[in-house]
């Protein structure tokens, strides 16, 4: 799982053939530590539908500001390098799967 930065964000997002979910997190954030493994499990189960990338808020300030990320954890789904959906805070595995399926199926 690659951590993305301000320097490689656009390249990483644009370089994927599948939609990309970006987990904006912080190492000091308790809920982030709980959400991360759940997202990674879902990403492994749904690897044919989307790619998960991780973005440590402390390493990606310009991109976080660009997309208005001011709370963590925040997950943003990108299709064609454009943000199409997202959520803030901790979610259970089943809720994440439902959110992903609904978001991925929207045109």
N, C-alpha and C. Protein backbone atom coordinates (compact mmCIF):
# COMPACT_ATOMS: atom_id res chain seq x y z
N UNK A 1 0.86 -1.17 0.00
CA UNK A 1 0.00 0.00 0.00
C UNK A 1 0.90 1.23 0.00
N UNK A 2 0.75 2.04 -1.00
CA UNK A 2 1.65 3.19 -1.14
C UNK A 2 1.07 4.42 -0.46
N UNK A 3 1.94 5.13 0.26
CA UNK A 3 1.57 6.43 0.81
C UNK A 3 1.84 7.48 -0.25
N UNK A 4 0.83 8.33 -0.49
CA UNK A 4 1.00 9.36 -1.50
C UNK A 4 1.29 10.71 -0.83
N UNK A 5 1.92 11.59 -1.59
CA UNK A 5 2.34 12.90 -1.09
C UNK A 5 1.84 13.97 -2.05
N UNK A 6 2.06 15.23 -1.69
CA UNK A 6 1.72 16.33 -2.60
C UNK A 6 2.42 16.15 -3.94
N UNK A 7 3.67 15.67 -3.90
CA UNK A 7 4.48 15.57 -5.11
C UNK A 7 3.95 14.50 -6.08
N UNK A 8 3.45 13.38 -5.56
CA UNK A 8 3.05 12.29 -6.47
C UNK A 8 1.55 12.06 -6.54
N UNK A 9 0.75 12.88 -5.87
CA UNK A 9 -0.71 12.65 -5.81
C UNK A 9 -1.34 12.55 -7.19
N UNK A 10 -1.18 13.59 -8.01
CA UNK A 10 -1.83 13.60 -9.32
C UNK A 10 -1.38 12.43 -10.19
N UNK A 11 -0.11 12.11 -10.15
CA UNK A 11 0.43 11.01 -10.94
C UNK A 11 -0.17 9.68 -10.49
N UNK A 12 -0.21 9.48 -9.17
CA UNK A 12 -0.75 8.22 -8.63
C UNK A 12 -2.23 8.05 -8.96
N UNK A 13 -3.00 9.12 -8.82
CA UNK A 13 -4.44 9.05 -9.10
C UNK A 13 -4.68 8.81 -10.59
N UNK A 14 -4.01 9.60 -11.43
CA UNK A 14 -4.21 9.50 -12.87
C UNK A 14 -3.67 8.19 -13.44
N UNK A 15 -2.69 7.60 -12.76
CA UNK A 15 -2.05 6.40 -13.27
C UNK A 15 -2.81 5.11 -13.02
N UNK A 16 -3.96 5.20 -12.38
CA UNK A 16 -4.73 3.99 -12.07
C UNK A 16 -5.81 3.74 -13.12
N UNK A 17 -6.00 2.50 -13.46
CA UNK A 17 -7.06 2.17 -14.43
C UNK A 17 -8.41 2.01 -13.73
N UNK A 18 -8.39 1.77 -12.43
CA UNK A 18 -9.62 1.63 -11.64
C UNK A 18 -9.88 2.91 -10.85
N UNK A 19 -11.12 3.10 -10.35
CA UNK A 19 -11.35 4.20 -9.42
C UNK A 19 -10.41 4.08 -8.22
N UNK A 20 -10.11 5.20 -7.59
CA UNK A 20 -9.16 5.23 -6.48
C UNK A 20 -9.84 5.79 -5.24
N UNK A 21 -9.75 5.06 -4.14
CA UNK A 21 -10.19 5.58 -2.84
C UNK A 21 -8.94 6.02 -2.10
N UNK A 22 -8.94 7.28 -1.66
CA UNK A 22 -7.80 7.81 -0.92
C UNK A 22 -8.19 7.94 0.54
N UNK A 23 -7.43 7.27 1.40
CA UNK A 23 -7.63 7.34 2.85
C UNK A 23 -6.73 8.44 3.39
N UNK A 24 -7.32 9.60 3.67
CA UNK A 24 -6.58 10.69 4.30
C UNK A 24 -6.59 10.41 5.80
N UNK A 25 -5.40 10.22 6.38
CA UNK A 25 -5.29 9.84 7.78
C UNK A 25 -4.17 10.63 8.44
N UNK A 26 -4.02 10.43 9.75
CA UNK A 26 -2.89 11.00 10.48
C UNK A 26 -2.42 9.95 11.48
N UNK A 27 -1.12 9.89 11.69
CA UNK A 27 -0.56 8.88 12.59
C UNK A 27 -1.02 9.08 14.03
N UNK A 28 -1.39 10.31 14.40
CA UNK A 28 -1.83 10.63 15.76
C UNK A 28 -3.34 10.46 15.96
N UNK A 29 -4.05 10.02 14.94
CA UNK A 29 -5.52 9.94 14.95
C UNK A 29 -5.98 8.53 15.33
N UNK A 30 -6.65 8.41 16.48
CA UNK A 30 -7.15 7.12 16.94
C UNK A 30 -8.11 6.45 15.97
N UNK A 31 -9.19 7.14 15.54
CA UNK A 31 -10.11 6.53 14.59
C UNK A 31 -9.45 6.10 13.29
N UNK A 32 -8.41 6.83 12.88
CA UNK A 32 -7.68 6.47 11.64
C UNK A 32 -7.03 5.10 11.79
N UNK A 33 -6.51 4.83 12.98
CA UNK A 33 -5.84 3.55 13.23
C UNK A 33 -6.84 2.40 13.18
N UNK A 34 -8.09 2.69 13.53
CA UNK A 34 -9.14 1.66 13.46
C UNK A 34 -9.65 1.49 12.04
N UNK A 35 -9.79 2.60 11.31
CA UNK A 35 -10.35 2.55 9.96
C UNK A 35 -9.38 1.94 8.95
N UNK A 36 -8.09 2.24 9.08
CA UNK A 36 -7.10 1.79 8.11
C UNK A 36 -7.16 0.31 7.80
N UNK A 37 -7.09 -0.57 8.81
CA UNK A 37 -7.13 -2.02 8.53
C UNK A 37 -8.45 -2.47 7.89
N UNK A 38 -9.56 -1.82 8.25
CA UNK A 38 -10.85 -2.17 7.66
C UNK A 38 -10.84 -1.81 6.18
N UNK A 39 -10.35 -0.62 5.85
CA UNK A 39 -10.26 -0.21 4.44
C UNK A 39 -9.36 -1.14 3.65
N UNK A 40 -8.24 -1.53 4.26
CA UNK A 40 -7.31 -2.42 3.57
C UNK A 40 -7.94 -3.79 3.31
N UNK A 41 -8.73 -4.29 4.25
CA UNK A 41 -9.43 -5.57 4.07
C UNK A 41 -10.45 -5.46 2.94
N UNK A 42 -11.23 -4.38 2.94
CA UNK A 42 -12.23 -4.16 1.89
C UNK A 42 -11.54 -4.02 0.53
N UNK A 43 -10.43 -3.28 0.51
CA UNK A 43 -9.69 -3.09 -0.75
C UNK A 43 -9.19 -4.42 -1.30
N UNK A 44 -8.75 -5.30 -0.42
CA UNK A 44 -8.28 -6.61 -0.86
C UNK A 44 -9.45 -7.42 -1.42
N UNK A 45 -10.59 -7.39 -0.74
CA UNK A 45 -11.77 -8.14 -1.19
C UNK A 45 -12.34 -7.60 -2.50
N UNK A 46 -12.19 -6.29 -2.72
CA UNK A 46 -12.79 -5.64 -3.90
C UNK A 46 -11.71 -5.12 -4.85
N UNK A 47 -10.56 -5.80 -4.89
CA UNK A 47 -9.42 -5.28 -5.66
C UNK A 47 -9.68 -5.19 -7.16
N UNK A 48 -10.71 -5.86 -7.65
CA UNK A 48 -11.05 -5.75 -9.07
C UNK A 48 -11.93 -4.53 -9.35
N UNK A 49 -12.35 -3.81 -8.29
CA UNK A 49 -13.26 -2.68 -8.47
C UNK A 49 -12.63 -1.32 -8.17
N UNK A 50 -11.64 -1.29 -7.25
CA UNK A 50 -11.01 -0.01 -6.92
C UNK A 50 -9.64 -0.25 -6.30
N UNK A 51 -8.86 0.85 -6.26
CA UNK A 51 -7.52 0.84 -5.67
C UNK A 51 -7.55 1.75 -4.44
N UNK A 52 -6.93 1.30 -3.36
CA UNK A 52 -6.83 2.11 -2.14
C UNK A 52 -5.44 2.71 -2.04
N UNK A 53 -5.38 4.03 -1.86
CA UNK A 53 -4.12 4.72 -1.60
C UNK A 53 -4.24 5.43 -0.26
N UNK A 54 -3.13 5.56 0.45
CA UNK A 54 -3.11 6.19 1.76
C UNK A 54 -2.40 7.54 1.67
N UNK A 55 -2.96 8.54 2.36
CA UNK A 55 -2.37 9.88 2.36
C UNK A 55 -2.29 10.40 3.79
N UNK A 56 -1.07 10.43 4.34
CA UNK A 56 -0.85 10.97 5.68
C UNK A 56 -0.99 12.49 5.59
N UNK A 57 -1.96 13.02 6.33
CA UNK A 57 -2.26 14.45 6.26
C UNK A 57 -1.03 15.32 6.49
N UNK A 58 -0.13 14.86 7.32
CA UNK A 58 1.09 15.64 7.60
C UNK A 58 2.03 15.70 6.40
N UNK A 59 1.88 14.78 5.43
CA UNK A 59 2.75 14.73 4.25
C UNK A 59 2.07 15.26 2.99
N UNK A 60 0.83 15.72 3.11
CA UNK A 60 0.07 16.08 1.91
C UNK A 60 -0.76 17.35 2.14
N UNK A 61 -0.17 18.39 2.74
CA UNK A 61 -0.95 19.58 3.11
C UNK A 61 -1.58 20.32 1.94
N UNK A 62 -0.87 20.44 0.81
CA UNK A 62 -1.42 21.19 -0.33
C UNK A 62 -2.62 20.46 -0.93
N UNK A 63 -2.50 19.15 -1.08
CA UNK A 63 -3.60 18.37 -1.65
C UNK A 63 -4.79 18.35 -0.70
N UNK A 64 -4.53 18.22 0.59
CA UNK A 64 -5.61 18.23 1.58
C UNK A 64 -6.37 19.55 1.51
N UNK A 65 -5.64 20.64 1.39
CA UNK A 65 -6.28 21.96 1.29
C UNK A 65 -7.08 22.07 0.00
N UNK A 66 -6.52 21.58 -1.09
CA UNK A 66 -7.18 21.63 -2.40
C UNK A 66 -8.56 20.95 -2.36
N UNK A 67 -8.65 19.84 -1.64
CA UNK A 67 -9.90 19.08 -1.58
C UNK A 67 -10.69 19.34 -0.30
N UNK A 68 -10.25 20.31 0.49
CA UNK A 68 -11.00 20.68 1.69
C UNK A 68 -10.97 19.64 2.79
N UNK A 69 -9.89 18.87 2.86
CA UNK A 69 -9.78 17.83 3.89
C UNK A 69 -9.26 18.50 5.16
N UNK A 70 -10.13 18.66 6.15
CA UNK A 70 -9.70 19.29 7.39
C UNK A 70 -9.98 18.42 8.61
N UNK A 71 -10.53 17.22 8.37
CA UNK A 71 -10.75 16.27 9.46
C UNK A 71 -10.30 14.89 9.00
N UNK A 72 -9.82 14.11 9.93
CA UNK A 72 -9.43 12.74 9.61
C UNK A 72 -10.11 11.78 10.58
N UNK A 73 -10.38 10.57 10.13
CA UNK A 73 -10.14 10.06 8.77
C UNK A 73 -11.18 10.61 7.78
N UNK A 74 -10.72 10.85 6.58
CA UNK A 74 -11.59 11.19 5.45
C UNK A 74 -11.21 10.29 4.29
N UNK A 75 -12.21 9.71 3.65
CA UNK A 75 -11.97 8.86 2.48
C UNK A 75 -12.66 9.52 1.29
N UNK A 76 -11.91 9.67 0.21
CA UNK A 76 -12.46 10.29 -1.00
C UNK A 76 -12.28 9.31 -2.16
N UNK A 77 -13.35 9.11 -2.90
CA UNK A 77 -13.30 8.23 -4.07
C UNK A 77 -13.13 9.09 -5.32
N UNK A 78 -12.12 8.75 -6.12
CA UNK A 78 -11.83 9.45 -7.37
C UNK A 78 -12.13 8.53 -8.54
N UNK A 79 -12.81 9.09 -9.55
CA UNK A 79 -13.02 8.39 -10.83
C UNK A 79 -12.50 9.33 -11.90
N UNK A 80 -11.64 8.83 -12.74
CA UNK A 80 -11.06 9.68 -13.78
C UNK A 80 -10.35 10.88 -13.18
N UNK A 81 -9.69 10.68 -12.06
CA UNK A 81 -8.91 11.70 -11.34
C UNK A 81 -9.77 12.83 -10.76
N UNK A 82 -11.10 12.64 -10.71
CA UNK A 82 -11.98 13.64 -10.12
C UNK A 82 -12.69 13.04 -8.90
N UNK A 83 -12.79 13.83 -7.80
CA UNK A 83 -13.48 13.31 -6.62
C UNK A 83 -14.98 13.17 -6.89
N UNK A 84 -15.55 12.00 -6.59
CA UNK A 84 -16.97 11.76 -6.86
C UNK A 84 -17.78 11.45 -5.61
N UNK A 85 -17.11 11.03 -4.53
CA UNK A 85 -17.82 10.68 -3.30
C UNK A 85 -16.82 10.65 -2.16
N UNK A 86 -17.34 10.68 -0.95
CA UNK A 86 -16.45 10.61 0.19
C UNK A 86 -17.20 10.49 1.50
N UNK A 87 -16.47 10.20 2.56
CA UNK A 87 -17.05 10.20 3.90
C UNK A 87 -15.99 10.59 4.90
N UNK A 88 -16.46 11.10 6.04
CA UNK A 88 -15.57 11.53 7.12
C UNK A 88 -15.90 10.69 8.35
N UNK A 89 -14.86 10.23 9.03
CA UNK A 89 -15.06 9.50 10.28
C UNK A 89 -14.99 8.00 10.10
N UNK A 90 -15.22 7.33 11.20
CA UNK A 90 -15.13 5.87 11.25
C UNK A 90 -16.42 5.25 10.72
N UNK A 91 -16.28 4.24 9.87
CA UNK A 91 -17.45 3.49 9.39
C UNK A 91 -17.16 2.01 9.55
N UNK A 92 -18.21 1.24 9.76
CA UNK A 92 -18.09 -0.22 9.85
C UNK A 92 -17.85 -0.81 8.47
N UNK A 93 -17.29 -2.00 8.44
CA UNK A 93 -16.94 -2.66 7.18
C UNK A 93 -18.12 -2.76 6.21
N UNK A 94 -19.27 -3.21 6.70
CA UNK A 94 -20.42 -3.38 5.81
C UNK A 94 -20.89 -2.05 5.23
N UNK A 95 -20.84 -1.00 6.06
CA UNK A 95 -21.24 0.33 5.59
C UNK A 95 -20.27 0.85 4.53
N UNK A 96 -18.99 0.57 4.71
CA UNK A 96 -17.98 0.97 3.72
C UNK A 96 -18.24 0.26 2.40
N UNK A 97 -18.51 -1.04 2.46
CA UNK A 97 -18.78 -1.80 1.23
C UNK A 97 -20.02 -1.26 0.52
N UNK A 98 -21.05 -0.95 1.29
CA UNK A 98 -22.28 -0.41 0.70
C UNK A 98 -21.99 0.94 0.05
N UNK A 99 -21.26 1.82 0.77
CA UNK A 99 -20.90 3.14 0.22
C UNK A 99 -20.10 2.98 -1.07
N UNK A 100 -19.14 2.08 -1.06
CA UNK A 100 -18.32 1.86 -2.25
C UNK A 100 -19.14 1.36 -3.41
N UNK A 101 -19.97 0.35 -3.17
CA UNK A 101 -20.78 -0.20 -4.25
C UNK A 101 -21.70 0.86 -4.84
N UNK A 102 -22.34 1.66 -3.99
CA UNK A 102 -23.23 2.73 -4.49
C UNK A 102 -22.42 3.77 -5.25
N UNK A 103 -21.28 4.17 -4.72
CA UNK A 103 -20.46 5.21 -5.35
C UNK A 103 -19.85 4.74 -6.65
N UNK A 104 -19.43 3.49 -6.70
CA UNK A 104 -18.79 2.95 -7.91
C UNK A 104 -19.82 2.76 -9.03
N UNK A 105 -21.06 2.53 -8.66
CA UNK A 105 -22.09 2.27 -9.68
C UNK A 105 -22.73 3.54 -10.22
N UNK A 106 -22.48 4.69 -9.58
CA UNK A 106 -22.99 5.96 -10.10
C UNK A 106 -22.20 6.36 -11.33
N UNK A 107 -22.87 6.98 -12.28
CA UNK A 107 -22.17 7.44 -13.48
C UNK A 107 -21.56 8.78 -13.28
